[in-house]
Amino acid sequence: MLDAKKLKVLEGDFLMQYPKGFSDPEMLKIGKKHNVVKMTDMTKECFTKQACSNVHVTAENMIKVVSRSSMVSMFEKPKFRDFVRGMDENEKAFLVGALSQILHGKQQLGFEAMVDILKTQKLAKWSLITIIPAYYKPTKEVFVKPTTAKNILKHFEIADPIYKPAPTWDFYKKYRTLINDAKKTVDKNLSPSNAAFSGFLMMTVK
């Protein structure tokens, strides 16, 4: 659990600058740059359980979301696109199956399968694995941005989980719990989504 006193200090600092939290005019401007609502709507439409049964369309939709996301590095976008488009039928089916499990089935199984296949081209990055779930279930799943995650854990002196560059289900599950528990203790205007709440922490943690 994130230390409540430290969290309240950060909350106070943020609300002093943006009194309405993420509903504040300045924060709404920032939000528009990230197209969060549009990306969330598109992701929810593209990755329903039924939609994921079409392997080719879903693979292309994965590329589309990654390519349009402001939260994914410009270096990773073309590498991911080329990787997916260079896959054979079985590999694409495996990739889409892994995503479908993350969103609709056995999450750990899907997460670890996604890591395994992306690892073959050194693309097992936190951003690529967590971006679609974070848009699809914005108030449940978390986007793991390495710098932000490391700073949060350091600021709140969290011993477990320990951040590592290689994505693991154990870290993801524990980090997600930290974020979901912490957002319940602050002004609800700071957490319209988990990505927004993480953004609040990113902006306030020194």
Foldseek 3Di string as FASTA:
>chain_A
DFDLVVLVVLQVVQCVVAVLACVGPVNVVVVVVQVLVVLLVLLQVCQDLVNLVPLVSNLVSLLVSQLSGPLHDPVLNVVSVVLSVPDDPVLSNQLSVLVSCCQPNVNQSSLVSNLVSCVVVPNQFQQSSQVSVCSPAFAQAARCDPVLLVLSCVQRVPPPPDDDGHDHPRNRVVVSVVQNVSCVSHDVSQPPGSHSVSVSSSVRRD
